[in-house]
Amino acid sequence: MKTIQSDQFDKTHARILVTIIVMLLVLAYAMPVLASSAEVTGGAFHTFAVGVGRGYNISGHAHMTRTADGRTIVSTHATGLAANTVYGVHVHNKACGDANGGGHYQNVVGGTVDPYNEIWPLFTTNAAGVGNGKAVHAYTARPEAQAVVIHDTDGARIACTDLR
């Protein structure tokens, strides 16, 4: 036969056990979320004066995600471009207001100029002048990857966004 004292002892143990189970469930949920954290930067495109002079009114955005597993993913979306046109789009090593974005960001500085060492989310616009690009790399871009620049077909810089 149970006594009042042992019944209270069982209730106390049950509360402790329930609290431990809840804490374990919270940790089980939180650990993958914490382990998969990523740094996301991005911004809205603005048209450089050269682009305005060429009749462009570019808008859109770019995002860079530096994943916890060491990858870099850059996605772009731009409107206000010429229809059915291939545009050069590159991550640059300075902010838009600093030398119009500086040079192309390179994973290995002074290395090859190609879409593997640099980050090129290139795109071809559709009939409405809308372009979407994406680049995925197996390395984490360093902090000097500061902007995404859209180049016209002749290489001129026509739009930019800072990655903040």
N, C-alpha and C. Protein backbone atom coordinates (compact mmCIF):
# COMPACT_ATOMS: atom_id res chain seq x y z
N MET A 1 0.82 -1.16 0.00
CA MET A 1 0.00 0.00 0.00
C MET A 1 0.89 1.25 0.00
N LYS A 2 0.52 2.24 -0.87
CA LYS A 2 1.29 3.48 -0.96
C LYS A 2 0.95 4.41 0.17
N THR A 3 1.95 5.13 0.58
CA THR A 3 1.70 6.15 1.59
C THR A 3 1.63 7.50 0.89
N ILE A 4 1.15 8.48 1.58
CA ILE A 4 1.07 9.82 1.02
C ILE A 4 2.47 10.33 0.68
N GLN A 5 3.43 10.01 1.51
CA GLN A 5 4.78 10.47 1.29
C GLN A 5 5.36 9.86 0.02
N SER A 6 5.15 8.58 -0.26
CA SER A 6 5.70 7.96 -1.47
C SER A 6 4.96 8.45 -2.72
N ASP A 7 3.67 8.78 -2.59
CA ASP A 7 2.92 9.32 -3.73
C ASP A 7 3.48 10.68 -4.13
N GLN A 8 3.81 11.53 -3.16
CA GLN A 8 4.41 12.83 -3.46
C GLN A 8 5.80 12.64 -4.07
N PHE A 9 6.54 11.64 -3.57
CA PHE A 9 7.86 11.33 -4.12
C PHE A 9 7.73 10.93 -5.58
N ASP A 10 6.73 10.10 -5.95
CA ASP A 10 6.51 9.68 -7.33
C ASP A 10 6.12 10.86 -8.21
N LYS A 11 5.29 11.78 -7.72
CA LYS A 11 4.89 12.96 -8.48
C LYS A 11 6.08 13.87 -8.74
N THR A 12 6.95 14.01 -7.75
CA THR A 12 8.15 14.85 -7.91
C THR A 12 9.06 14.26 -8.97
N HIS A 13 9.25 12.94 -8.92
CA HIS A 13 10.09 12.28 -9.93
C HIS A 13 9.47 12.39 -11.32
N ALA A 14 8.17 12.28 -11.39
CA ALA A 14 7.49 12.39 -12.68
C ALA A 14 7.68 13.79 -13.26
N ARG A 15 7.58 14.82 -12.43
CA ARG A 15 7.79 16.20 -12.90
C ARG A 15 9.22 16.39 -13.40
N ILE A 16 10.16 15.87 -12.65
CA ILE A 16 11.56 15.98 -13.05
C ILE A 16 11.78 15.26 -14.38
N LEU A 17 11.22 14.08 -14.50
CA LEU A 17 11.37 13.29 -15.73
C LEU A 17 10.74 14.03 -16.92
N VAL A 18 9.57 14.60 -16.74
CA VAL A 18 8.91 15.35 -17.82
C VAL A 18 9.76 16.57 -18.19
N THR A 19 10.30 17.28 -17.21
CA THR A 19 11.15 18.44 -17.48
C THR A 19 12.38 18.04 -18.27
N ILE A 20 13.01 16.94 -17.91
CA ILE A 20 14.19 16.46 -18.63
C ILE A 20 13.83 16.09 -20.07
N ILE A 21 12.71 15.42 -20.25
CA ILE A 21 12.28 15.03 -21.61
C ILE A 21 12.02 16.26 -22.46
N VAL A 22 11.36 17.26 -21.90
CA VAL A 22 11.09 18.50 -22.64
C VAL A 22 12.40 19.19 -23.01
N MET A 23 13.34 19.25 -22.08
CA MET A 23 14.63 19.89 -22.36
C MET A 23 15.38 19.13 -23.46
N LEU A 24 15.33 17.82 -23.43
CA LEU A 24 15.99 17.03 -24.48
C LEU A 24 15.34 17.26 -25.84
N LEU A 25 14.02 17.36 -25.87
CA LEU A 25 13.33 17.64 -27.14
C LEU A 25 13.69 19.02 -27.67
N VAL A 26 13.78 20.01 -26.80
CA VAL A 26 14.18 21.35 -27.22
C VAL A 26 15.60 21.32 -27.77
N LEU A 27 16.50 20.66 -27.09
CA LEU A 27 17.89 20.55 -27.58
C LEU A 27 17.95 19.79 -28.90
N ALA A 28 17.18 18.73 -29.02
CA ALA A 28 17.19 17.95 -30.27
C ALA A 28 16.72 18.80 -31.44
N TYR A 29 15.79 19.71 -31.19
CA TYR A 29 15.32 20.60 -32.23
C TYR A 29 16.34 21.71 -32.51
N ALA A 30 16.91 22.27 -31.46
CA ALA A 30 17.78 23.44 -31.60
C ALA A 30 19.14 23.10 -32.20
N MET A 31 19.69 21.96 -31.92
CA MET A 31 21.03 21.62 -32.39
C MET A 31 21.15 21.66 -33.91
N PRO A 32 20.27 21.01 -34.68
CA PRO A 32 20.41 21.12 -36.14
C PRO A 32 20.24 22.54 -36.64
N VAL A 33 19.37 23.31 -36.01
CA VAL A 33 19.17 24.70 -36.42
C VAL A 33 20.44 25.49 -36.17
N LEU A 34 21.06 25.31 -35.01
CA LEU A 34 22.31 26.02 -34.70
C LEU A 34 23.44 25.56 -35.61
N ALA A 35 23.50 24.27 -35.88
CA ALA A 35 24.58 23.73 -36.72
C ALA A 35 24.44 24.16 -38.17
N SER A 36 23.22 24.46 -38.60
CA SER A 36 23.01 24.81 -40.01
C SER A 36 22.91 26.31 -40.22
N SER A 37 23.37 27.09 -39.25
CA SER A 37 23.28 28.54 -39.40
C SER A 37 24.09 29.01 -40.60
N ALA A 38 23.60 30.03 -41.22
CA ALA A 38 24.26 30.57 -42.41
C ALA A 38 24.26 32.09 -42.29
N GLU A 39 25.22 32.69 -42.97
CA GLU A 39 25.27 34.15 -43.03
C GLU A 39 24.70 34.57 -44.37
N VAL A 40 23.66 35.38 -44.33
CA VAL A 40 23.01 35.84 -45.56
C VAL A 40 23.17 37.35 -45.64
N THR A 41 23.69 37.81 -46.79
CA THR A 41 23.80 39.25 -47.06
C THR A 41 23.11 39.53 -48.39
N GLY A 42 22.74 40.76 -48.60
CA GLY A 42 22.09 41.08 -49.86
C GLY A 42 21.69 42.53 -49.93
N GLY A 43 21.10 42.87 -51.05
CA GLY A 43 20.65 44.23 -51.24
C GLY A 43 19.93 44.40 -52.56
N ALA A 44 19.45 45.62 -52.80
CA ALA A 44 18.68 45.95 -54.00
C ALA A 44 19.60 46.60 -55.04
N PHE A 45 19.44 46.21 -56.29
CA PHE A 45 20.22 46.80 -57.38
C PHE A 45 19.83 48.26 -57.59
N HIS A 46 20.81 49.07 -57.90
CA HIS A 46 20.56 50.44 -58.38
C HIS A 46 21.35 50.61 -59.68
N THR A 47 20.82 51.42 -60.54
CA THR A 47 21.44 51.63 -61.85
C THR A 47 22.55 52.67 -61.74
N PHE A 48 23.73 52.32 -62.24
CA PHE A 48 24.83 53.29 -62.31
C PHE A 48 24.48 54.36 -63.35
N ALA A 49 25.15 55.50 -63.27
CA ALA A 49 24.92 56.60 -64.23
C ALA A 49 25.15 56.14 -65.67
N VAL A 50 26.13 55.29 -65.88
CA VAL A 50 26.38 54.75 -67.24
C VAL A 50 25.15 53.99 -67.73
N GLY A 51 24.54 53.22 -66.86
CA GLY A 51 23.33 52.47 -67.22
C GLY A 51 22.17 53.38 -67.54
N VAL A 52 22.00 54.43 -66.71
CA VAL A 52 20.93 55.40 -66.97
C VAL A 52 21.15 56.06 -68.32
N GLY A 53 22.39 56.42 -68.61
CA GLY A 53 22.72 57.05 -69.89
C GLY A 53 22.44 56.14 -71.08
N ARG A 54 22.42 54.85 -70.85
CA ARG A 54 22.12 53.88 -71.91
C ARG A 54 20.64 53.50 -71.94
N GLY A 55 19.83 54.17 -71.12
CA GLY A 55 18.39 53.93 -71.12
C GLY A 55 17.91 52.84 -70.18
N TYR A 56 18.78 52.36 -69.30
CA TYR A 56 18.37 51.32 -68.35
C TYR A 56 17.74 51.93 -67.10
N ASN A 57 16.77 51.23 -66.53
CA ASN A 57 16.19 51.53 -65.23
C ASN A 57 16.10 50.18 -64.50
N ILE A 58 17.21 49.75 -63.96
CA ILE A 58 17.34 48.39 -63.42
C ILE A 58 16.92 48.35 -61.96
N SER A 59 16.17 47.33 -61.61
CA SER A 59 15.82 47.08 -60.22
C SER A 59 15.94 45.58 -59.99
N GLY A 60 15.82 45.19 -58.76
CA GLY A 60 15.94 43.77 -58.41
C GLY A 60 16.80 43.62 -57.18
N HIS A 61 17.33 42.42 -56.98
CA HIS A 61 18.11 42.16 -55.77
C HIS A 61 19.10 41.03 -55.99
N ALA A 62 20.04 40.94 -55.06
CA ALA A 62 21.00 39.84 -55.03
C ALA A 62 21.18 39.42 -53.57
N HIS A 63 21.42 38.12 -53.38
CA HIS A 63 21.67 37.58 -52.04
C HIS A 63 22.87 36.66 -52.10
N MET A 64 23.70 36.73 -51.07
CA MET A 64 24.80 35.79 -50.91
C MET A 64 24.59 35.05 -49.60
N THR A 65 24.66 33.73 -49.68
CA THR A 65 24.55 32.90 -48.50
C THR A 65 25.87 32.16 -48.31
N ARG A 66 26.46 32.35 -47.15
CA ARG A 66 27.65 31.60 -46.76
C ARG A 66 27.16 30.54 -45.78
N THR A 67 27.15 29.29 -46.22
CA THR A 67 26.56 28.22 -45.42
C THR A 67 27.51 27.72 -44.35
N ALA A 68 26.96 27.05 -43.35
CA ALA A 68 27.76 26.49 -42.27
C ALA A 68 28.68 25.37 -42.76
N ASP A 69 28.31 24.73 -43.87
CA ASP A 69 29.14 23.64 -44.39
C ASP A 69 30.17 24.12 -45.42
N GLY A 70 30.40 25.45 -45.50
CA GLY A 70 31.50 25.97 -46.31
C GLY A 70 31.18 26.27 -47.76
N ARG A 71 29.91 26.44 -48.10
CA ARG A 71 29.56 26.79 -49.47
C ARG A 71 29.15 28.25 -49.54
N THR A 72 29.21 28.79 -50.77
CA THR A 72 28.72 30.14 -51.05
C THR A 72 27.70 30.03 -52.17
N ILE A 73 26.52 30.60 -51.94
CA ILE A 73 25.45 30.59 -52.93
C ILE A 73 25.04 32.03 -53.19
N VAL A 74 25.07 32.43 -54.46
CA VAL A 74 24.65 33.78 -54.83
C VAL A 74 23.49 33.67 -55.81
N SER A 75 22.42 34.39 -55.51
CA SER A 75 21.27 34.43 -56.43
C SER A 75 20.97 35.88 -56.77
N THR A 76 20.54 36.09 -58.01
CA THR A 76 20.22 37.43 -58.48
C THR A 76 18.88 37.43 -59.21
N HIS A 77 18.23 38.57 -59.14
CA HIS A 77 16.99 38.81 -59.89
C HIS A 77 17.02 40.28 -60.30
N ALA A 78 16.89 40.52 -61.61
CA ALA A 78 16.94 41.91 -62.10
C ALA A 78 15.89 42.13 -63.18
N THR A 79 15.33 43.32 -63.18
CA THR A 79 14.37 43.74 -64.20
C THR A 79 14.87 45.03 -64.83
N GLY A 80 14.26 45.43 -65.94
CA GLY A 80 14.63 46.68 -66.59
C GLY A 80 15.79 46.54 -67.56
N LEU A 81 16.06 45.33 -67.99
CA LEU A 81 17.17 45.07 -68.92
C LEU A 81 16.62 44.81 -70.32
N ALA A 82 17.50 44.71 -71.29
CA ALA A 82 17.08 44.41 -72.66
C ALA A 82 16.60 42.96 -72.73
N ALA A 83 15.66 42.72 -73.61
CA ALA A 83 15.07 41.38 -73.76
C ALA A 83 16.07 40.41 -74.40
N ASN A 84 15.99 39.16 -73.96
CA ASN A 84 16.73 38.05 -74.56
C ASN A 84 18.21 38.35 -74.74
N THR A 85 18.83 38.83 -73.69
CA THR A 85 20.23 39.27 -73.74
C THR A 85 21.03 38.58 -72.63
N VAL A 86 22.25 38.18 -72.95
CA VAL A 86 23.16 37.59 -71.96
C VAL A 86 23.91 38.73 -71.27
N TYR A 87 23.85 38.75 -69.94
CA TYR A 87 24.54 39.77 -69.15
C TYR A 87 25.60 39.11 -68.27
N GLY A 88 26.73 39.78 -68.16
CA GLY A 88 27.74 39.38 -67.19
C GLY A 88 27.33 39.89 -65.83
N VAL A 89 27.35 39.01 -64.86
CA VAL A 89 27.01 39.37 -63.48
C VAL A 89 28.10 38.74 -62.62
N HIS A 90 28.73 39.57 -61.78
CA HIS A 90 29.86 39.08 -60.99
C HIS A 90 29.83 39.65 -59.59
N VAL A 91 30.35 38.89 -58.64
CA VAL A 91 30.60 39.42 -57.30
C VAL A 91 31.90 40.21 -57.38
N HIS A 92 31.88 41.42 -56.79
CA HIS A 92 33.04 42.30 -56.81
C HIS A 92 33.61 42.48 -55.40
N ASN A 93 34.85 42.96 -55.33
CA ASN A 93 35.58 43.00 -54.07
C ASN A 93 35.52 44.33 -53.32
N LYS A 94 34.69 45.24 -53.78
CA LYS A 94 34.49 46.51 -53.07
C LYS A 94 33.01 46.86 -53.12
N ALA A 95 32.61 47.81 -52.29
CA ALA A 95 31.23 48.27 -52.29
C ALA A 95 30.94 49.06 -53.56
N CYS A 96 29.67 49.17 -53.92
CA CYS A 96 29.27 49.87 -55.15
C CYS A 96 29.80 51.29 -55.22
N GLY A 97 29.82 52.00 -54.10
CA GLY A 97 30.29 53.38 -54.08
C GLY A 97 31.80 53.53 -54.06
N ASP A 98 32.52 52.43 -54.02
CA ASP A 98 33.98 52.46 -53.98
C ASP A 98 34.50 51.89 -55.30
N ALA A 99 34.88 52.78 -56.22
CA ALA A 99 35.39 52.38 -57.54
C ALA A 99 34.38 51.50 -58.30
N ASN A 100 33.09 51.83 -58.16
CA ASN A 100 32.01 51.07 -58.83
C ASN A 100 32.11 49.58 -58.56
N GLY A 101 32.52 49.21 -57.34
CA GLY A 101 32.58 47.81 -56.95
C GLY A 101 33.96 47.19 -57.05
N GLY A 102 34.94 47.93 -57.52
CA GLY A 102 36.29 47.38 -57.61
C GLY A 102 36.39 46.27 -58.64
N GLY A 103 37.30 45.34 -58.40
CA GLY A 103 37.50 44.23 -59.33
C GLY A 103 36.66 43.02 -58.95
N HIS A 104 36.74 41.99 -59.77
CA HIS A 104 36.01 40.76 -59.47
C HIS A 104 36.58 40.12 -58.21
N TYR A 105 35.70 39.63 -57.35
CA TYR A 105 36.13 38.86 -56.19
C TYR A 105 36.74 37.56 -56.70
N GLN A 106 37.85 37.14 -56.11
CA GLN A 106 38.49 35.87 -56.46
C GLN A 106 38.74 35.05 -55.20
N ASN A 107 38.40 33.77 -55.25
CA ASN A 107 38.67 32.89 -54.13
C ASN A 107 40.18 32.77 -53.92
N VAL A 108 40.91 32.55 -55.00
CA VAL A 108 42.37 32.57 -54.97
C VAL A 108 42.80 33.87 -55.65
N VAL A 109 43.19 34.85 -54.83
CA VAL A 109 43.54 36.16 -55.37
C VAL A 109 44.70 36.02 -56.34
N GLY A 110 44.54 36.60 -57.54
CA GLY A 110 45.55 36.50 -58.58
C GLY A 110 45.48 35.20 -59.36
N GLY A 111 44.48 34.39 -59.04
CA GLY A 111 44.29 33.11 -59.73
C GLY A 111 43.59 33.29 -61.06
N THR A 112 43.04 32.20 -61.55
CA THR A 112 42.40 32.22 -62.86
C THR A 112 41.13 33.08 -62.85
N VAL A 113 40.86 33.66 -64.01
CA VAL A 113 39.64 34.43 -64.20
C VAL A 113 38.65 33.49 -64.87
N ASP A 114 37.84 32.85 -64.05
CA ASP A 114 36.86 31.89 -64.55
C ASP A 114 35.72 31.77 -63.53
N PRO A 115 34.63 31.11 -63.91
CA PRO A 115 33.48 31.03 -63.00
C PRO A 115 33.70 30.12 -61.79
N TYR A 116 34.87 29.47 -61.68
CA TYR A 116 35.16 28.63 -60.52
C TYR A 116 35.91 29.41 -59.45
N ASN A 117 36.88 30.22 -59.87
CA ASN A 117 37.65 31.02 -58.93
C ASN A 117 36.91 32.32 -58.59
N GLU A 118 36.06 32.78 -59.47
CA GLU A 118 35.24 33.96 -59.24
C GLU A 118 33.78 33.51 -59.10
N ILE A 119 32.92 34.42 -58.71
CA ILE A 119 31.51 34.08 -58.51
C ILE A 119 30.70 34.81 -59.57
N TRP A 120 30.18 34.03 -60.52
CA TRP A 120 29.47 34.59 -61.67
C TRP A 120 28.02 34.07 -61.72
N PRO A 121 27.07 34.73 -61.11
CA PRO A 121 25.66 34.33 -61.26
C PRO A 121 25.07 34.93 -62.54
N LEU A 122 25.63 34.53 -63.67
CA LEU A 122 25.23 35.07 -64.98
C LEU A 122 23.78 34.75 -65.29
N PHE A 123 23.21 35.53 -66.20
CA PHE A 123 21.86 35.21 -66.66
C PHE A 123 21.61 35.73 -68.06
N THR A 124 20.62 35.14 -68.70
CA THR A 124 20.06 35.62 -69.96
C THR A 124 18.65 36.09 -69.65
N THR A 125 18.32 37.29 -70.05
CA THR A 125 16.99 37.81 -69.77
C THR A 125 15.93 37.15 -70.64
N ASN A 126 14.70 37.22 -70.19
CA ASN A 126 13.59 36.71 -70.97
C ASN A 126 13.05 37.83 -71.87
N ALA A 127 11.94 37.58 -72.51
CA ALA A 127 11.37 38.56 -73.44
C ALA A 127 10.96 39.86 -72.76
N ALA A 128 10.74 39.81 -71.45
CA ALA A 128 10.35 41.01 -70.70
C ALA A 128 11.55 41.73 -70.10
N GLY A 129 12.77 41.26 -70.36
CA GLY A 129 13.96 41.91 -69.82
C GLY A 129 14.24 41.57 -68.37
N VAL A 130 13.75 40.41 -67.93
CA VAL A 130 13.95 39.95 -66.55
C VAL A 130 15.01 38.85 -66.56
N GLY A 131 15.98 38.95 -65.65
CA GLY A 131 17.02 37.94 -65.55
C GLY A 131 17.15 37.40 -64.15
N ASN A 132 17.41 36.09 -64.05
CA ASN A 132 17.63 35.42 -62.78
C ASN A 132 18.89 34.59 -62.90
N GLY A 133 19.79 34.72 -61.95
CA GLY A 133 21.03 33.96 -61.99
C GLY A 133 21.33 33.33 -60.66
N LYS A 134 22.19 32.30 -60.71
CA LYS A 134 22.58 31.61 -59.48
C LYS A 134 23.97 31.03 -59.68
N ALA A 135 24.79 31.12 -58.64
CA ALA A 135 26.11 30.50 -58.64
C ALA A 135 26.30 29.81 -57.29
N VAL A 136 26.83 28.59 -57.32
CA VAL A 136 27.08 27.83 -56.10
C VAL A 136 28.54 27.40 -56.11
N HIS A 137 29.23 27.65 -55.00
CA HIS A 137 30.66 27.31 -54.89
C HIS A 137 30.93 26.51 -53.62
N ALA A 138 31.91 25.65 -53.68
CA ALA A 138 32.28 24.80 -52.55
C ALA A 138 33.31 25.49 -51.66
N TYR A 139 33.28 26.79 -51.59
CA TYR A 139 34.14 27.55 -50.67
C TYR A 139 33.33 28.68 -50.08
N THR A 140 33.79 29.19 -48.96
CA THR A 140 33.14 30.31 -48.30
C THR A 140 33.80 31.61 -48.75
N ALA A 141 33.01 32.49 -49.33
CA ALA A 141 33.53 33.79 -49.77
C ALA A 141 33.98 34.60 -48.55
N ARG A 142 35.13 35.22 -48.68
CA ARG A 142 35.67 36.05 -47.62
C ARG A 142 34.89 37.38 -47.54
N PRO A 143 35.11 38.16 -46.48
CA PRO A 143 34.37 39.43 -46.30
C PRO A 143 34.55 40.43 -47.43
N GLU A 144 35.64 40.35 -48.21
CA GLU A 144 35.81 41.32 -49.29
C GLU A 144 34.86 41.09 -50.46
N ALA A 145 34.09 40.02 -50.45
CA ALA A 145 33.02 39.84 -51.45
C ALA A 145 31.89 40.78 -51.02
N GLN A 146 31.88 42.00 -51.58
CA GLN A 146 31.03 43.06 -51.05
C GLN A 146 29.89 43.51 -51.94
N ALA A 147 29.93 43.19 -53.23
CA ALA A 147 28.90 43.72 -54.13
C ALA A 147 28.66 42.76 -55.29
N VAL A 148 27.53 42.93 -55.94
CA VAL A 148 27.23 42.22 -57.19
C VAL A 148 27.00 43.27 -58.26
N VAL A 149 27.72 43.14 -59.36
CA VAL A 149 27.65 44.11 -60.46
C VAL A 149 27.08 43.43 -61.70
N ILE A 150 26.17 44.14 -62.38
CA ILE A 150 25.66 43.69 -63.69
C ILE A 150 26.41 44.49 -64.75
N HIS A 151 26.97 43.77 -65.72
CA HIS A 151 27.71 44.39 -66.82
C HIS A 151 26.86 44.36 -68.08
N ASP A 152 26.96 45.41 -68.89
CA ASP A 152 26.30 45.42 -70.19
C ASP A 152 27.06 44.48 -71.13
N THR A 153 26.54 44.29 -72.31
CA THR A 153 27.15 43.33 -73.25
C THR A 153 28.57 43.72 -73.65
N ASP A 154 28.92 45.00 -73.50
CA ASP A 154 30.29 45.44 -73.81
C ASP A 154 31.19 45.48 -72.57
N GLY A 155 30.68 45.01 -71.43
CA GLY A 155 31.46 44.97 -70.19
C GLY A 155 31.26 46.15 -69.27
N ALA A 156 30.58 47.21 -69.73
CA ALA A 156 30.36 48.39 -68.89
C ALA A 156 29.53 48.00 -67.66
N ARG A 157 29.82 48.62 -66.55
CA ARG A 157 29.08 48.36 -65.31
C ARG A 157 27.81 49.21 -65.33
N ILE A 158 26.66 48.54 -65.33
CA ILE A 158 25.41 49.28 -65.45
C ILE A 158 24.54 49.26 -64.20
N ALA A 159 24.78 48.31 -63.28
CA ALA A 159 24.01 48.28 -62.05
C ALA A 159 24.82 47.57 -60.98
N CYS A 160 24.44 47.83 -59.70
CA CYS A 160 25.19 47.25 -58.59
C CYS A 160 24.31 47.16 -57.36
N THR A 161 24.63 46.21 -56.49
CA THR A 161 24.05 46.15 -55.16
C THR A 161 25.14 45.77 -54.17
N ASP A 162 25.12 46.41 -53.03
CA ASP A 162 26.03 46.03 -51.96
C ASP A 162 25.45 44.83 -51.22
N LEU A 163 26.31 43.93 -50.82
CA LEU A 163 25.91 42.76 -50.04
C LEU A 163 26.08 43.10 -48.56
N ARG A 164 24.98 43.45 -47.92
CA ARG A 164 25.01 43.85 -46.50
C ARG A 164 24.19 42.92 -45.67
